[in-house]
Amino acid sequence: MSPLNRVSLVFLSLVLFFLSSPSFAEWPVPRHDPALSGVADASGVIRSPTIAWTFDTRGDQALFEVTLKTGERNPKYRFKELRDPDYFQKNQAAWGRTPEKHSMSPDGSVQFSGHGMNEQIADFLPDVPGLEKFSMRSQAGTGDELARGQLFKYENGKEELVWETEEIHTHYAPLVLRADATGDGTDEIVMALHYRIFVFDPKTGETLMWMRYHDFRNYGFFGAENLDDDPQLEFITIGDFSSHIDVLKSDGKELSVIWRKDIESNIDRKKKIVRPGPDPIRDLDNDGRFEIVFNFHNEHEDNLWHTVAWDALTGEVVFDWPGVYLNGIHDLDGDGVDELFLSKTQGLYVPKFSSVEIARYREGRKQTLWDLESGQFPLLDQVDFPKNRATGATLGAQTVPTIDWNGDGVQDFCVFRKTPYGTTVFEGYSYFDNGFDKAWYIELPRDFPAEVLAVQSDPEMGGPKVLVSLDVPRVRPEERVAFVVEDAELNLVSQRKVDGQIWTQLSTEPRIGKLGA
């Protein structure tokens, strides 16, 4: 080959390489199919296409009701047909998974179920029949866009605007509370949004107080609590987007900062993560002083989750437990000392199964009450929040559900446990004299992933009981799947089809009736 031909060949190869390579900012896609359509670019010769075979990519999900029943049993179930597929949708209220209903008008013609984090529903106007709703006119207002808070009343089935606040600029996802910020014995409307807190008169919408106290965004958690001995409230913001903690004081006329902790202002390449739960303001050890407690990742650049508590009035660290992730906080026995549900971790990822424990903070140290080598606490979103708590934090509503198994007023719990031979056990524990006894036990079939959907303690609603979902693998219709059950009873209440996540698969040699590689 002549030198000229060699140069031409090299040049042509380079041209073809660059033409086939992704351009700047283009996302490289295998098979050069950005739409993931599964359709090849090549021309076919099929003139009359027909469907050779189909494959249902949906999976089966079975819902079981777990109740107490003394004795051992080995029930077997066939998962061959659908059974009441809308069961959970129809029975969410009975399982306590729907927000509180509000009858807004005296005749009951207008009803709301719950409210958003940027709303509050209450009898703001005592002289007006029914309830009123405060909300921001828009969820977001940036730059020149302005928004107002609005109060609505409801009569004869109609919504009527009562008042609007002043124009408010630069906000997104505001958090709204009801709290007595002025100390006059009635609740005001208190709102946290970008770097500010506002206090509004609920009768007129007048701004009674406001303060800009940092340059961060207040996405996350917002709460009000009387942290000290005087009658005035304190306000706590925990930002999980641009990360910070702030504690402010109201003297009835003005707001002031007690203490602040700036964690990380960067929002696009975060190195530290803040995870407050639904109620991070707690008197953990019942000593009369509140703590602010939540999960904090990589504060010390160790790539570990820490469960950290700060003194709510001073900002001093009360404890810092490395390598554990806080799943929930409950005062199980009502003695005023909280129990903390913890999972052990070794990095950013919180594994599905890990060593878990229930601990207290008492007498200046951590006291472990119960632990399990390979467990998983069920997690549910808290449905309703008290008037002085609001959250928009990531996973901010998530907590460990509790249930009263024996009607003694003490809260108990459930846990999933991985056995040494690969199966999963679902079991309930009851709290007795600072310890826990196993109340019941269910060994699930292998490869049937399980999840708790709801718990119900109220005997009038059929409690105590737990609703568990099982992902059912493809089994033969005639196959009977066995469970091992002790001191509990399983009732199959629903079987339904659920959609899964599907990836496009291409095959050059499809085989009839089988998935292509």
Protein backbone atom coordinates (compact mmCIF):
# COMPACT_ATOMS: atom_id res chain seq x y z
CA MET A 1 0.00 0.00 0.00
CA SER A 2 1.35 3.39 -0.95
CA PRO A 3 2.03 6.04 1.75
CA LEU A 4 -0.83 8.13 0.34
CA ASN A 5 -3.28 5.25 0.67
CA ARG A 6 -2.11 4.59 4.24
CA VAL A 7 -2.71 8.25 5.17
CA SER A 8 -6.14 8.14 3.51
CA LEU A 9 -7.07 4.96 5.42
CA VAL A 10 -5.99 6.45 8.77
CA PHE A 11 -7.92 9.64 8.03
CA LEU A 12 -11.06 7.67 7.09
CA SER A 13 -10.78 5.59 10.29
CA LEU A 14 -10.55 8.73 12.42
CA VAL A 15 -13.58 10.24 10.71
CA LEU A 16 -15.63 7.09 11.30
CA PHE A 17 -14.49 6.96 14.94
CA PHE A 18 -15.54 10.53 15.69
CA LEU A 19 -18.83 10.16 13.83
CA SER A 20 -19.73 7.10 15.91
CA SER A 21 -18.54 8.56 19.23
CA PRO A 22 -20.89 10.50 21.49
CA SER A 23 -20.64 14.25 21.11
CA PHE A 24 -19.88 16.56 24.02
CA ALA A 25 -22.54 16.29 26.76
CA GLU A 26 -24.22 13.40 24.92
CA TRP A 27 -25.13 10.47 27.13
CA PRO A 28 -23.50 7.31 25.73
CA VAL A 29 -26.18 4.68 25.21
CA PRO A 30 -25.53 0.99 24.51
CA ARG A 31 -27.00 -0.09 21.16
CA HIS A 32 -27.19 3.63 20.16
CA ASP A 33 -30.86 3.72 21.08
CA PRO A 34 -31.53 6.77 23.30
CA ALA A 35 -35.24 5.99 23.42
CA LEU A 36 -34.56 2.40 24.54
CA SER A 37 -37.28 1.41 22.11
CA GLY A 38 -35.94 -2.05 21.41
CA VAL A 39 -36.26 -1.36 17.67
CA ALA A 40 -33.16 -1.89 15.54
CA ASP A 41 -32.13 0.51 12.77
CA ALA A 42 -31.70 -2.32 10.26
CA SER A 43 -34.38 -2.82 7.62
CA GLY A 44 -36.42 -5.99 7.93
CA VAL A 45 -38.16 -8.16 5.38
CA ILE A 46 -41.25 -9.07 7.43
CA ARG A 47 -44.36 -8.25 5.43
CA SER A 48 -47.13 -9.55 7.70
CA PRO A 49 -45.91 -9.41 11.31
CA THR A 50 -47.68 -11.56 13.89
CA ILE A 51 -47.17 -11.96 17.64
CA ALA A 52 -45.27 -15.19 18.18
CA TRP A 53 -45.40 -15.14 22.00
CA THR A 54 -45.94 -12.83 24.95
CA PHE A 55 -44.47 -12.68 28.42
CA ASP A 56 -46.21 -10.93 31.33
CA THR A 57 -43.51 -8.91 33.10
CA ARG A 58 -45.76 -8.05 36.02
CA GLY A 59 -45.25 -9.82 39.32
CA ASP A 60 -47.68 -11.12 41.92
CA GLN A 61 -47.99 -9.54 45.33
CA ALA A 62 -49.85 -11.23 48.18
CA LEU A 63 -51.12 -9.38 51.25
CA PHE A 64 -51.36 -11.23 54.55
CA GLU A 65 -53.02 -10.14 57.75
CA VAL A 66 -51.03 -11.27 60.82
CA THR A 67 -52.91 -11.69 64.10
CA LEU A 68 -52.12 -13.42 67.39
CA LYS A 69 -53.13 -17.05 67.91
CA THR A 70 -51.53 -19.47 70.35
CA GLY A 71 -49.95 -22.61 68.93
CA GLU A 72 -47.82 -23.87 66.07
CA ARG A 73 -49.06 -24.37 62.52
CA ASN A 74 -47.76 -24.88 58.99
CA PRO A 75 -50.22 -23.24 56.60
CA LYS A 76 -49.79 -23.74 52.86
CA TYR A 77 -51.08 -21.40 50.16
CA ARG A 78 -51.57 -21.58 46.42
CA PHE A 79 -50.93 -18.34 44.53
CA LYS A 80 -52.88 -19.29 41.42
CA GLU A 81 -55.46 -16.51 41.03
CA LEU A 82 -56.14 -12.88 41.88
CA ARG A 83 -57.95 -12.22 45.14
CA ASP A 84 -59.47 -8.83 46.05
CA PRO A 85 -56.65 -6.89 44.31
CA ASP A 86 -57.97 -3.51 45.58
CA TYR A 87 -58.07 -4.63 49.22
CA PHE A 88 -55.45 -2.20 50.55
CA GLN A 89 -56.80 0.73 48.57
CA LYS A 90 -60.29 0.11 49.98
CA ASN A 91 -59.13 -0.47 53.56
CA GLN A 92 -56.41 2.12 54.12
CA ALA A 93 -58.58 4.06 56.58
CA ALA A 94 -59.28 0.91 58.61
CA TRP A 95 -55.54 0.29 58.74
CA GLY A 96 -54.82 3.85 59.91
CA ARG A 97 -53.00 4.82 56.71
CA THR A 98 -55.13 7.85 55.74
CA PRO A 99 -54.74 11.38 57.14
CA GLU A 100 -57.23 12.86 59.57
CA LYS A 101 -60.44 14.05 57.91
CA HIS A 102 -61.47 17.68 58.40
CA SER A 103 -65.08 18.74 57.97
CA MET A 104 -64.55 22.31 56.80
CA SER A 105 -68.17 23.51 56.63
CA PRO A 106 -70.92 23.12 59.25
CA ASP A 107 -73.08 21.07 56.88
CA GLY A 108 -70.19 18.70 56.08
CA SER A 109 -70.35 19.49 52.38
CA VAL A 110 -66.62 20.29 52.21
CA GLN A 111 -64.13 17.81 53.65
CA PHE A 112 -60.36 17.58 53.41
CA SER A 113 -58.15 14.63 54.28
CA GLY A 114 -55.04 15.97 55.95
CA HIS A 115 -53.02 18.89 54.69
CA GLY A 116 -49.67 19.54 53.06
CA MET A 117 -46.50 20.81 54.70
CA ASN A 118 -47.32 24.30 53.39
CA GLU A 119 -50.83 24.33 54.90
CA GLN A 120 -52.62 24.35 58.24
CA ILE A 121 -56.29 23.61 58.97
CA ALA A 122 -57.90 24.93 62.18
CA ASP A 123 -60.63 27.13 63.62
CA PHE A 124 -58.63 30.28 62.96
CA LEU A 125 -61.78 32.46 63.03
CA PRO A 126 -63.89 31.49 66.09
CA ASP A 127 -66.79 33.71 64.99
CA VAL A 128 -67.02 31.95 61.61
CA PRO A 129 -68.70 28.49 61.51
CA GLY A 130 -66.51 25.57 60.47
CA LEU A 131 -62.77 25.36 59.90
CA GLU A 132 -60.42 27.48 57.83
CA LYS A 133 -57.37 26.57 55.76
CA PHE A 134 -54.16 28.55 55.40
CA SER A 135 -51.92 27.80 52.45
CA MET A 136 -49.41 29.48 50.18
CA ARG A 137 -50.92 30.55 46.87
CA SER A 138 -48.05 28.87 45.05
CA GLN A 139 -45.58 26.23 46.13
CA ALA A 140 -42.70 28.20 44.62
CA GLY A 141 -41.79 31.81 43.98
CA THR A 142 -38.33 32.73 42.73
CA GLY A 143 -36.78 35.88 41.34
CA ASP A 144 -39.52 38.35 40.46
CA GLU A 145 -42.30 35.84 41.12
CA LEU A 146 -44.27 36.74 44.23
CA ALA A 147 -46.68 34.75 46.34
CA ARG A 148 -49.03 35.37 49.22
CA GLY A 149 -50.31 33.23 52.04
CA GLN A 150 -54.08 32.91 51.93
CA LEU A 151 -56.81 31.98 54.42
CA PHE A 152 -59.99 30.35 53.10
CA LYS A 153 -63.33 29.68 54.77
CA TYR A 154 -66.03 27.27 53.58
CA GLU A 155 -69.76 27.87 53.58
CA ASN A 156 -72.57 26.30 51.55
CA GLY A 157 -70.09 24.04 49.81
CA LYS A 158 -68.03 26.96 48.50
CA GLU A 159 -64.51 28.18 49.18
CA GLU A 160 -64.14 31.90 49.96
CA LEU A 161 -60.94 33.91 50.39
CA VAL A 162 -60.82 35.71 53.75
CA TRP A 163 -57.43 37.44 53.61
CA GLU A 164 -54.00 37.41 52.01
CA THR A 165 -50.60 38.10 53.53
CA GLU A 166 -48.14 40.61 52.16
CA GLU A 167 -46.27 39.63 49.00
CA ILE A 168 -43.48 37.15 49.69
CA HIS A 169 -40.60 36.68 47.27
CA THR A 170 -38.08 33.87 46.74
CA HIS A 171 -39.50 30.76 48.28
CA TYR A 172 -39.98 27.09 47.60
CA ALA A 173 -41.63 24.34 49.67
CA PRO A 174 -42.50 26.50 52.70
CA LEU A 175 -43.12 24.76 56.04
CA VAL A 176 -46.13 25.96 58.07
CA LEU A 177 -46.95 25.48 61.77
CA ARG A 178 -49.58 26.58 64.25
CA ALA A 179 -47.95 27.88 67.42
CA ASP A 180 -48.43 30.58 70.05
CA ALA A 181 -45.52 32.76 68.95
CA THR A 182 -46.76 35.91 70.71
CA GLY A 183 -47.60 34.32 74.06
CA ASP A 184 -51.20 35.57 74.04
CA GLY A 185 -52.72 32.11 74.47
CA THR A 186 -53.83 31.67 70.85
CA ASP A 187 -51.99 30.12 67.93
CA GLU A 188 -50.46 32.18 65.16
CA ILE A 189 -49.47 30.92 61.70
CA VAL A 190 -45.69 30.45 61.57
CA MET A 191 -43.90 29.78 58.30
CA ALA A 192 -40.29 28.91 57.46
CA LEU A 193 -39.03 29.39 53.91
CA HIS A 194 -35.82 30.58 52.21
CA TYR A 195 -33.62 32.00 55.02
CA ARG A 196 -36.62 33.56 56.85
CA ILE A 197 -39.36 32.89 59.38
CA PHE A 198 -42.70 34.74 59.29
CA VAL A 199 -45.41 34.98 61.98
CA PHE A 200 -48.90 35.93 60.73
CA ASP A 201 -52.02 37.03 62.60
CA PRO A 202 -54.57 34.26 61.88
CA LYS A 203 -57.50 36.70 61.92
CA THR A 204 -56.10 39.33 59.53
CA GLY A 205 -53.00 37.94 57.79
CA GLU A 206 -50.90 40.81 59.16
CA THR A 207 -47.18 40.06 59.54
CA LEU A 208 -46.54 40.18 63.29
CA MET A 209 -42.86 39.17 63.15
CA TRP A 210 -40.34 38.13 60.56
CA MET A 211 -36.61 37.58 60.48
CA ARG A 212 -33.94 36.79 57.93
CA TYR A 213 -31.25 35.00 59.89
CA HIS A 214 -29.01 33.24 57.32
CA ASP A 215 -28.47 32.76 53.57
CA PHE A 216 -29.51 29.10 53.46
CA ARG A 217 -32.72 27.47 52.28
CA ASN A 218 -35.02 26.09 54.94
CA TYR A 219 -36.06 22.89 53.13
CA GLY A 220 -36.20 20.13 55.71
CA PHE A 221 -37.78 20.08 59.18
CA PHE A 222 -39.50 22.90 61.08
CA GLY A 223 -40.74 22.65 64.66
CA ALA A 224 -41.88 24.74 67.61
CA GLU A 225 -41.27 23.79 71.24
CA ASN A 226 -40.91 25.47 74.62
CA LEU A 227 -37.31 24.45 75.29
CA ASP A 228 -36.74 26.44 78.49
CA ASP A 229 -38.53 27.59 81.64
CA ASP A 230 -40.14 30.74 80.26
CA PRO A 231 -43.55 30.58 78.53
CA GLN A 232 -42.28 31.74 75.13
CA LEU A 233 -41.66 29.26 72.31
CA GLU A 234 -38.49 28.41 70.44
CA PHE A 235 -38.42 27.53 66.73
CA ILE A 236 -36.11 24.90 65.24
CA THR A 237 -35.18 24.53 61.57
CA ILE A 238 -33.07 21.62 60.28
CA GLY A 239 -32.11 22.02 56.63
CA ASP A 240 -31.29 18.85 54.68
CA PHE A 241 -30.76 20.49 51.26
CA SER A 242 -28.45 23.34 52.08
CA SER A 243 -27.62 21.88 55.46
CA HIS A 244 -27.90 23.76 58.76
CA ILE A 245 -29.47 23.73 62.24
CA ASP A 246 -31.04 26.84 63.74
CA VAL A 247 -32.78 27.57 67.05
CA LEU A 248 -34.67 30.86 67.31
CA LYS A 249 -36.45 32.54 70.20
CA SER A 250 -39.66 34.57 70.23
CA ASP A 251 -40.15 37.15 72.99
CA GLY A 252 -43.69 37.80 71.77
CA LYS A 253 -42.68 40.78 69.63
CA GLU A 254 -39.43 39.85 67.89
CA LEU A 255 -37.48 36.78 66.81
CA SER A 256 -33.83 36.27 67.70
CA VAL A 257 -31.23 33.55 67.12
CA ILE A 258 -30.17 31.44 70.11
CA TRP A 259 -27.63 29.35 68.16
CA ARG A 260 -26.92 28.12 64.66
CA LYS A 261 -24.75 25.49 63.00
CA ASP A 262 -23.89 25.89 59.32
CA ILE A 263 -23.14 22.42 57.94
CA GLU A 264 -22.88 22.69 54.15
CA SER A 265 -24.21 25.32 51.77
CA ASN A 266 -23.31 23.38 48.62
CA ILE A 267 -26.38 21.74 47.08
CA ASP A 268 -25.11 19.98 43.96
CA ARG A 269 -22.10 17.97 45.15
CA LYS A 270 -22.84 17.34 48.76
CA LYS A 271 -20.23 15.76 51.00
CA LYS A 272 -22.35 15.74 54.16
CA ILE A 273 -25.90 14.47 54.56
CA VAL A 274 -28.47 15.42 57.19
CA ARG A 275 -31.48 13.13 57.81
CA PRO A 276 -33.97 14.39 60.43
CA GLY A 277 -36.90 12.12 61.27
CA PRO A 278 -40.51 13.15 61.86
CA ASP A 279 -39.82 14.40 65.40
CA PRO A 280 -36.14 15.14 66.08
CA ILE A 281 -36.90 17.43 69.07
CA ARG A 282 -36.91 15.09 72.08
CA ASP A 283 -36.17 14.98 75.78
CA LEU A 284 -34.37 11.69 75.28
CA ASP A 285 -33.44 10.92 78.89
CA ASN A 286 -36.31 12.74 80.65
CA ASP A 287 -33.98 15.19 82.40
CA GLY A 288 -36.08 18.23 81.52
CA ARG A 289 -33.78 19.40 78.71
CA PHE A 290 -34.59 18.85 75.05
CA GLU A 291 -32.17 17.42 72.51
CA ILE A 292 -32.13 17.73 68.72
CA VAL A 293 -31.26 14.28 67.35
CA PHE A 294 -30.89 12.99 63.79
CA ASN A 295 -28.69 11.06 61.36
CA PHE A 296 -25.58 12.86 60.13
CA HIS A 297 -23.30 11.40 57.44
CA ASN A 298 -19.62 12.25 57.00
CA GLU A 299 -19.42 15.21 59.36
CA HIS A 300 -15.94 14.02 60.37
CA GLU A 301 -15.00 12.96 56.80
CA ASP A 302 -15.09 9.31 57.88
CA ASN A 303 -17.81 8.21 55.39
CA LEU A 304 -19.94 7.01 58.33
CA TRP A 305 -23.44 7.68 59.47
CA HIS A 306 -23.57 9.02 63.02
CA THR A 307 -26.59 9.38 65.27
CA VAL A 308 -25.92 12.76 66.87
CA ALA A 309 -27.78 14.69 69.58
CA TRP A 310 -27.27 18.36 70.40
CA ASP A 311 -28.49 20.23 73.46
CA ALA A 312 -31.42 22.14 71.97
CA LEU A 313 -30.71 25.34 73.93
CA THR A 314 -26.92 25.53 73.67
CA GLY A 315 -25.93 23.55 70.56
CA GLU A 316 -23.44 21.47 72.55
CA VAL A 317 -23.08 17.86 71.41
CA VAL A 318 -24.76 15.54 73.92
CA PHE A 319 -23.70 12.32 72.20
CA ASP A 320 -22.24 11.20 68.87
CA TRP A 321 -22.66 7.51 68.06
CA PRO A 322 -20.65 6.55 64.94
CA GLY A 323 -21.61 3.74 62.59
CA VAL A 324 -25.30 3.63 63.49
CA TYR A 325 -28.38 4.90 61.63
CA LEU A 326 -31.46 6.04 63.55
CA ASN A 327 -34.66 4.47 62.16
CA GLY A 328 -37.14 5.75 64.73
CA ILE A 329 -37.68 7.02 68.27
CA HIS A 330 -40.46 5.89 70.62
CA ASP A 331 -41.12 5.98 74.34
CA LEU A 332 -42.33 2.39 74.37
CA ASP A 333 -43.30 2.06 78.03
CA GLY A 334 -44.34 5.66 78.70
CA ASP A 335 -41.67 6.31 81.35
CA GLY A 336 -40.46 9.50 79.64
CA VAL A 337 -37.18 7.94 78.44
CA ASP A 338 -37.02 7.33 74.70
CA GLU A 339 -36.02 4.11 72.98
CA LEU A 340 -33.97 4.55 69.79
CA PHE A 341 -34.20 2.00 66.96
CA LEU A 342 -30.73 1.75 65.39
CA SER A 343 -29.08 -0.08 62.47
CA LYS A 344 -25.33 -0.53 62.24
CA THR A 345 -23.65 0.72 59.05
CA GLN A 346 -20.12 0.91 57.64
CA GLY A 347 -20.56 3.60 54.98
CA LEU A 348 -23.11 5.70 53.17
CA TYR A 349 -25.23 2.68 52.25
CA VAL A 350 -27.59 1.49 54.98
CA PRO A 351 -27.94 -2.24 54.25
CA LYS A 352 -31.34 -3.87 54.16
CA PHE A 353 -30.22 -6.39 56.79
CA SER A 354 -27.63 -5.51 59.41
CA SER A 355 -27.05 -5.67 63.14
CA VAL A 356 -29.93 -3.77 64.75
CA GLU A 357 -30.53 -2.66 68.31
CA ILE A 358 -32.87 -0.74 70.59
CA ALA A 359 -30.99 1.61 72.89
CA ARG A 360 -31.52 4.42 75.39
CA TYR A 361 -29.46 7.43 76.32
CA ARG A 362 -29.40 7.42 80.10
CA GLU A 363 -27.00 8.61 82.79
CA GLY A 364 -24.75 10.08 80.13
CA ARG A 365 -24.25 6.90 78.12
CA LYS A 366 -25.81 4.56 75.60
CA GLN A 367 -27.65 1.57 77.07
CA THR A 368 -28.53 -1.27 74.68
CA LEU A 369 -31.81 -2.95 75.66
CA TRP A 370 -32.09 -5.43 72.77
CA ASP A 371 -30.10 -6.38 69.70
CA LEU A 372 -30.21 -8.75 66.75
CA GLU A 373 -27.34 -9.83 64.51
CA SER A 374 -29.08 -9.69 61.11
CA GLY A 375 -32.32 -7.76 61.26
CA GLN A 376 -34.40 -5.13 59.53
CA PHE A 377 -36.88 -2.79 61.19
CA PRO A 378 -40.03 -2.18 59.13
CA LEU A 379 -40.47 1.47 58.14
CA LEU A 380 -43.66 3.43 57.47
CA ASP A 381 -44.34 7.08 56.77
CA GLN A 382 -46.02 8.95 59.60
CA VAL A 383 -49.46 9.92 58.27
CA ASP A 384 -50.39 12.93 60.43
CA PHE A 385 -48.20 15.51 62.13
CA PRO A 386 -49.01 17.63 65.20
CA LYS A 387 -49.65 21.33 64.64
CA ASN A 388 -46.13 22.27 65.80
CA ARG A 389 -44.22 19.95 63.46
CA ALA A 390 -43.79 20.06 59.66
CA THR A 391 -41.35 18.31 57.36
CA GLY A 392 -40.35 18.19 53.74
CA ALA A 393 -37.06 16.43 54.48
CA THR A 394 -35.93 13.43 52.44
CA LEU A 395 -37.33 10.35 54.24
CA GLY A 396 -38.45 12.85 56.89
CA ALA A 397 -41.78 11.15 57.60
CA GLN A 398 -40.27 7.65 57.88
CA THR A 399 -40.23 5.84 61.22
CA VAL A 400 -40.51 2.38 62.81
CA PRO A 401 -44.17 1.43 63.43
CA THR A 402 -45.12 0.16 66.89
CA ILE A 403 -48.10 -1.88 68.05
CA ASP A 404 -49.61 -2.91 71.39
CA TRP A 405 -49.78 -6.71 71.16
CA ASN A 406 -51.32 -7.53 74.55
CA GLY A 407 -53.38 -4.43 75.37
CA ASP A 408 -51.22 -3.34 78.31
CA GLY A 409 -50.64 0.16 76.94
CA VAL A 410 -46.98 -0.56 76.23
CA GLN A 411 -45.85 -0.26 72.61
CA ASP A 412 -44.25 -3.34 71.02
CA PHE A 413 -42.58 -3.87 67.64
CA CYS A 414 -41.91 -6.23 64.71
CA VAL A 415 -38.68 -7.06 62.94
CA PHE A 416 -37.47 -9.09 59.95
CA ARG A 417 -34.57 -11.46 60.65
CA LYS A 418 -32.32 -13.23 58.15
CA THR A 419 -31.53 -16.82 59.14
CA PRO A 420 -28.11 -18.47 58.59
CA TYR A 421 -29.62 -20.67 55.86
CA GLY A 422 -31.02 -17.79 53.81
CA THR A 423 -34.69 -17.57 54.74
CA THR A 424 -36.38 -14.59 56.36
CA VAL A 425 -38.27 -14.69 59.64
CA PHE A 426 -40.88 -12.07 60.54
CA GLU A 427 -41.43 -11.86 64.28
CA GLY A 428 -43.05 -9.67 66.90
CA TYR A 429 -41.67 -8.68 70.30
CA SER A 430 -43.42 -7.50 73.46
CA TYR A 431 -41.86 -5.19 76.04
CA PHE A 432 -41.63 -6.51 79.61
CA ASP A 433 -39.69 -5.02 82.55
CA ASN A 434 -36.96 -3.29 80.51
CA GLY A 435 -36.63 -6.30 78.22
CA PHE A 436 -38.27 -7.87 75.18
CA ASP A 437 -39.92 -11.27 74.77
CA LYS A 438 -40.76 -12.85 71.43
CA ALA A 439 -44.55 -12.79 71.00
CA TRP A 440 -44.86 -14.65 67.68
CA TYR A 441 -42.82 -16.02 64.81
CA ILE A 442 -43.37 -16.58 61.06
CA GLU A 443 -40.75 -18.16 58.81
CA LEU A 444 -41.38 -16.98 55.26
CA PRO A 445 -40.75 -19.08 52.16
CA ARG A 446 -37.35 -18.58 50.57
CA ASP A 447 -37.16 -15.80 47.95
CA PHE A 448 -40.43 -14.15 49.02
CA PRO A 449 -39.37 -10.55 49.82
CA ALA A 450 -41.64 -9.06 52.49
CA GLU A 451 -42.64 -5.58 53.60
CA VAL A 452 -44.94 -4.19 56.30
CA LEU A 453 -47.72 -2.01 54.85
CA ALA A 454 -49.63 -1.14 58.03
CA VAL A 455 -50.14 -1.93 61.71
CA GLN A 456 -53.33 -1.60 63.73
CA SER A 457 -53.55 -1.72 67.55
CA ASP A 458 -57.18 -0.66 67.99
CA PRO A 459 -59.38 -3.66 68.95
CA GLU A 460 -62.41 -1.87 67.44
CA MET A 461 -60.61 -1.99 64.08
CA GLY A 462 -59.70 -5.66 64.44
CA GLY A 463 -56.36 -5.07 66.10
CA PRO A 464 -53.79 -5.89 67.09
CA LYS A 465 -52.75 -6.95 63.60
CA VAL A 466 -50.12 -6.32 60.93
CA LEU A 467 -50.54 -6.15 57.16
CA VAL A 468 -47.60 -7.67 55.29
CA SER A 469 -46.97 -7.79 51.54
CA LEU A 470 -45.05 -10.65 49.95
CA ASP A 471 -43.56 -10.51 46.47
CA VAL A 472 -44.47 -13.89 45.01
CA PRO A 473 -42.01 -15.44 42.55
CA ARG A 474 -43.37 -17.37 39.60
CA VAL A 475 -44.68 -20.62 41.02
CA ARG A 476 -46.74 -23.31 39.39
CA PRO A 477 -50.48 -22.82 39.96
CA GLU A 478 -50.74 -26.21 41.66
CA GLU A 479 -47.76 -25.58 43.95
CA ARG A 480 -48.54 -25.17 47.66
CA VAL A 481 -46.16 -22.77 49.41
CA ALA A 482 -45.53 -23.53 53.08
CA PHE A 483 -45.04 -21.16 56.03
CA VAL A 484 -43.88 -21.99 59.55
CA VAL A 485 -45.97 -20.09 62.11
CA GLU A 486 -45.82 -19.95 65.91
CA ASP A 487 -48.33 -18.08 68.12
CA ALA A 488 -49.72 -16.18 65.13
CA GLU A 489 -52.22 -16.66 62.34
CA LEU A 490 -51.90 -15.75 58.66
CA ASN A 491 -54.89 -14.68 56.61
CA LEU A 492 -54.40 -14.18 52.87
CA VAL A 493 -56.56 -11.11 52.12
CA SER A 494 -55.34 -10.05 48.68
CA GLN A 495 -53.36 -11.13 45.65
CA ARG A 496 -52.71 -8.64 42.89
CA LYS A 497 -50.51 -7.95 39.89
CA VAL A 498 -47.88 -5.26 40.34
CA ASP A 499 -45.74 -3.57 37.72
CA GLY A 500 -41.99 -3.84 37.96
CA GLN A 501 -39.10 -1.96 36.43
CA ILE A 502 -38.44 -3.22 32.92
CA TRP A 503 -35.24 -2.84 30.92
CA THR A 504 -35.21 -3.17 27.13
CA GLN A 505 -33.64 -6.43 26.04
CA LEU A 506 -32.41 -7.06 22.48
CA SER A 507 -31.59 -10.46 21.06
CA THR A 508 -30.24 -11.52 17.69
CA GLU A 509 -31.51 -15.08 18.21
CA PRO A 510 -34.86 -14.93 20.01
CA ARG A 511 -36.19 -18.29 21.06
CA ILE A 512 -39.93 -18.76 21.02
CA GLY A 513 -41.41 -18.66 24.49
CA LYS A 514 -38.18 -17.60 26.19
CA LEU A 515 -36.66 -14.23 26.95
CA GLY A 516 -33.83 -13.17 24.67
CA ALA A 517 -30.41 -12.55 26.18
